[in-house]
């Protein structure tokens, strides 16, 4: 029982890290799209 909890906690931690990296990538992509849009308007 305890071992499965540890594994579950480790998986949740890994998922959280992955989610954060994904969010960072999306934020970067979002900024890039804004900059590209601004350049097109000029």
PDB file of N, CA and C in Angstrom:
ATOM      1  N   UNK A   1       0.830  -1.200   0.000  1.00  0.00           N
ATOM      2  CA  UNK A   1       0.000   0.000   0.000  1.00  0.00           C
ATOM      3  C   UNK A   1       0.868   1.255   0.000  1.00  0.00           C
ATOM      4  N   UNK A   2       1.842   1.282   0.895  1.00  0.00           N
ATOM      5  CA  UNK A   2       2.719   2.451   0.989  1.00  0.00           C
ATOM      6  C   UNK A   2       3.539   2.611  -0.285  1.00  0.00           C
ATOM      7  N   UNK A   3       4.032   1.486  -0.810  1.00  0.00           N
ATOM      8  CA  UNK A   3       4.859   1.538  -2.017  1.00  0.00           C
ATOM      9  C   UNK A   3       4.081   2.128  -3.189  1.00  0.00           C
ATOM     10  N   UNK A   4       2.822   1.733  -3.330  1.00  0.00           N
ATOM     11  CA  UNK A   4       2.020   2.247  -4.438  1.00  0.00           C
ATOM     12  C   UNK A   4       1.769   3.746  -4.277  1.00  0.00           C
ATOM     13  N   UNK A   5       1.665   4.210  -3.034  1.00  0.00           N
ATOM     14  CA  UNK A   5       1.475   5.639  -2.777  1.00  0.00           C
ATOM     15  C   UNK A   5       2.711   6.423  -3.204  1.00  0.00           C
ATOM     16  N   UNK A   6       3.881   5.855  -2.923  1.00  0.00           N
ATOM     17  CA  UNK A   6       5.138   6.506  -3.302  1.00  0.00           C
ATOM     18  C   UNK A   6       5.243   6.602  -4.816  1.00  0.00           C
ATOM     19  N   UNK A   7       4.895   5.509  -5.496  1.00  0.00           N
ATOM     20  CA  UNK A   7       4.932   5.494  -6.959  1.00  0.00           C
ATOM     21  C   UNK A   7       3.958   6.515  -7.521  1.00  0.00           C
ATOM     22  N   UNK A   8       2.765   6.565  -6.941  1.00  0.00           N
ATOM     23  CA  UNK A   8       1.749   7.506  -7.394  1.00  0.00           C
ATOM     24  C   UNK A   8       2.223   8.945  -7.202  1.00  0.00           C
ATOM     25  N   UNK A   9       2.834   9.217  -6.052  1.00  0.00           N
ATOM     26  CA  UNK A   9       3.344  10.557  -5.767  1.00  0.00           C
ATOM     27  C   UNK A   9       4.431  10.939  -6.767  1.00  0.00           C
ATOM     28  N   UNK A  10       5.295   9.986  -7.093  1.00  0.00           N
ATOM     29  CA  UNK A  10       6.364  10.240  -8.055  1.00  0.00           C
ATOM     30  C   UNK A  10       5.786  10.530  -9.439  1.00  0.00           C
ATOM     31  N   UNK A  11       4.753   9.787  -9.807  1.00  0.00           N
ATOM     32  CA  UNK A  11       4.123  10.000 -11.113  1.00  0.00           C
ATOM     33  C   UNK A  11       3.433  11.360 -11.171  1.00  0.00           C
ATOM     34  N   UNK A  12       2.778  11.739 -10.081  1.00  0.00           N
ATOM     35  CA  UNK A  12       2.118  13.045 -10.026  1.00  0.00           C
ATOM     36  C   UNK A  12       3.147  14.165 -10.135  1.00  0.00           C
ATOM     37  N   UNK A  13       4.276  13.984  -9.456  1.00  0.00           N
ATOM     38  CA  UNK A  13       5.339  14.982  -9.489  1.00  0.00           C
ATOM     39  C   UNK A  13       5.884  15.131 -10.907  1.00  0.00           C
ATOM     40  N   UNK A  14       6.107  14.003 -11.579  1.00  0.00           N
ATOM     41  CA  UNK A  14       6.601  14.021 -12.952  1.00  0.00           C
ATOM     42  C   UNK A  14       5.588  14.686 -13.875  1.00  0.00           C
ATOM     43  N   UNK A  15       4.316  14.395 -13.672  1.00  0.00           N
ATOM     44  CA  UNK A  15       3.264  14.982 -14.494  1.00  0.00           C
ATOM     45  C   UNK A  15       3.206  16.488 -14.289  1.00  0.00           C
ATOM     46  N   UNK A  16       3.393  16.929 -13.048  1.00  0.00           N
ATOM     47  CA  UNK A  16       3.372  18.358 -12.740  1.00  0.00           C
ATOM     48  C   UNK A  16       4.539  19.066 -13.422  1.00  0.00           C
ATOM     49  N   UNK A  17       5.720  18.446 -13.393  1.00  0.00           N
ATOM     50  CA  UNK A  17       6.885  19.029 -14.058  1.00  0.00           C
ATOM     51  C   UNK A  17       6.656  19.124 -15.558  1.00  0.00           C
ATOM     52  N   UNK A  18       6.085  18.071 -16.125  1.00  0.00           N
ATOM     53  CA  UNK A  18       5.816  18.032 -17.558  1.00  0.00           C
ATOM     54  C   UNK A  18       4.810  19.120 -17.923  1.00  0.00           C
ATOM     55  N   UNK A  19       3.792  19.273 -17.082  1.00  0.00           N
ATOM     56  CA  UNK A  19       2.762  20.281 -17.309  1.00  0.00           C
ATOM     57  C   UNK A  19       3.385  21.675 -17.304  1.00  0.00           C
ATOM     58  N   UNK A  20       4.322  21.901 -16.393  1.00  0.00           N
ATOM     59  CA  UNK A  20       4.958  23.213 -16.286  1.00  0.00           C
ATOM     60  C   UNK A  20       5.789  23.505 -17.537  1.00  0.00           C
ATOM     61  N   UNK A  21       6.500  22.509 -18.035  1.00  0.00           N
ATOM     62  CA  UNK A  21       7.287  22.693 -19.253  1.00  0.00           C
ATOM     63  C   UNK A  21       6.374  22.970 -20.434  1.00  0.00           C
ATOM     64  N   UNK A  22       5.241  22.284 -20.471  1.00  0.00           N
ATOM     65  CA  UNK A  22       4.269  22.478 -21.541  1.00  0.00           C
ATOM     66  C   UNK A  22       3.734  23.906 -21.501  1.00  0.00           C
ATOM     67  N   UNK A  23       3.426  24.371 -20.294  1.00  0.00           N
ATOM     68  CA  UNK A  23       2.908  25.730 -20.115  1.00  0.00           C
ATOM     69  C   UNK A  23       3.944  26.747 -20.576  1.00  0.00           C
ATOM     70  N   UNK A  24       5.196  26.498 -20.237  1.00  0.00           N
ATOM     71  CA  UNK A  24       6.282  27.396 -20.638  1.00  0.00           C
ATOM     72  C   UNK A  24       6.392  27.448 -22.159  1.00  0.00           C
ATOM     73  N   UNK A  25       6.293  26.295 -22.807  1.00  0.00           N
ATOM     74  CA  UNK A  25       6.357  26.231 -24.267  1.00  0.00           C
ATOM     75  C   UNK A  25       5.193  26.982 -24.892  1.00  0.00           C
ATOM     76  N   UNK A  26       4.000  26.803 -24.334  1.00  0.00           N
ATOM     77  CA  UNK A  26       2.819  27.491 -24.857  1.00  0.00           C
ATOM     78  C   UNK A  26       2.958  28.999 -24.694  1.00  0.00           C
ATOM     79  N   UNK A  27       3.497  29.423 -23.544  1.00  0.00           N
ATOM     80  CA  UNK A  27       3.671  30.852 -23.292  1.00  0.00           C
ATOM     81  C   UNK A  27       4.645  31.450 -24.307  1.00  0.00           C
ATOM     82  N   UNK A  28       5.733  30.705 -24.587  1.00  0.00           N
ATOM     83  CA  UNK A  28       6.731  31.169 -25.547  1.00  0.00           C
ATOM     84  C   UNK A  28       6.114  31.268 -26.943  1.00  0.00           C
ATOM     85  N   UNK A  29       5.327  30.250 -27.298  1.00  0.00           N
ATOM     86  CA  UNK A  29       4.662  30.236 -28.601  1.00  0.00           C
ATOM     87  C   UNK A  29       3.697  31.407 -28.714  1.00  0.00           C
ATOM     88  N   UNK A  30       2.981  31.681 -27.626  1.00  0.00           N
ATOM     89  CA  UNK A  30       2.016  32.775 -27.584  1.00  0.00           C
ATOM     90  C   UNK A  30       2.712  34.114 -27.812  1.00  0.00           C
ATOM     91  N   UNK A  31       3.821  34.328 -27.118  1.00  0.00           N
ATOM     92  CA  UNK A  31       4.599  35.562 -27.273  1.00  0.00           C
ATOM     93  C   UNK A  31       5.109  35.681 -28.707  1.00  0.00           C
ATOM     94  N   UNK A  32       5.581  34.574 -29.255  1.00  0.00           N
ATOM     95  CA  UNK A  32       6.089  34.572 -30.625  1.00  0.00           C
ATOM     96  C   UNK A  32       4.991  34.963 -31.609  1.00  0.00           C
ATOM     97  N   UNK A  33       3.790  34.433 -31.392  1.00  0.00           N
ATOM     98  CA  UNK A  33       2.666  34.753 -32.278  1.00  0.00           C
ATOM     99  C   UNK A  33       2.308  36.232 -32.191  1.00  0.00           C
ATOM    100  N   UNK A  34       2.350  36.790 -30.984  1.00  0.00           N
ATOM    101  CA  UNK A  34       2.061  38.218 -30.809  1.00  0.00           C
ATOM    102  C   UNK A  34       3.097  39.053 -31.559  1.00  0.00           C
ATOM    103  N   UNK A  35       4.370  38.713 -31.384  1.00  0.00           N
ATOM    104  CA  UNK A  35       5.442  39.460 -32.049  1.00  0.00           C
ATOM    105  C   UNK A  35       5.311  39.355 -33.564  1.00  0.00           C
ATOM    106  N   UNK A  36       4.981  38.178 -34.053  1.00  0.00           N
ATOM    107  CA  UNK A  36       4.806  37.975 -35.493  1.00  0.00           C
ATOM    108  C   UNK A  36       3.641  38.822 -35.995  1.00  0.00           C
ATOM    109  N   UNK A  37       2.568  38.882 -35.221  1.00  0.00           N
ATOM    110  CA  UNK A  37       1.396  39.674 -35.590  1.00  0.00           C
ATOM    111  C   UNK A  37       1.720  41.159 -35.630  1.00  0.00           C
ATOM    112  N   UNK A  38       2.494  41.625 -34.668  1.00  0.00           N
ATOM    113  CA  UNK A  38       2.886  43.039 -34.614  1.00  0.00           C
ATOM    114  C   UNK A  38       3.746  43.392 -35.821  1.00  0.00           C
ATOM    115  N   UNK A  39       4.656  42.521 -36.180  1.00  0.00           N
ATOM    116  CA  UNK A  39       5.534  42.774 -37.321  1.00  0.00           C
ATOM    117  C   UNK A  39       4.742  42.829 -38.622  1.00  0.00           C
ATOM    118  N   UNK A  40       3.691  42.015 -38.727  1.00  0.00           N
ATOM    119  CA  UNK A  40       2.870  42.009 -39.940  1.00  0.00           C
ATOM    120  C   UNK A  40       2.091  43.309 -40.080  1.00  0.00           C
ATOM    121  N   UNK A  41       1.703  43.912 -38.959  1.00  0.00           N
ATOM    122  CA  UNK A  41       0.903  45.134 -38.987  1.00  0.00           C
ATOM    123  C   UNK A  41       1.719  46.350 -39.403  1.00  0.00           C
ATOM    124  N   UNK A  42       3.009  46.326 -39.170  1.00  0.00           N
ATOM    125  CA  UNK A  42       3.853  47.488 -39.484  1.00  0.00           C
ATOM    126  C   UNK A  42       4.053  47.677 -40.976  1.00  0.00           C
TER     127      UNK A  42
END
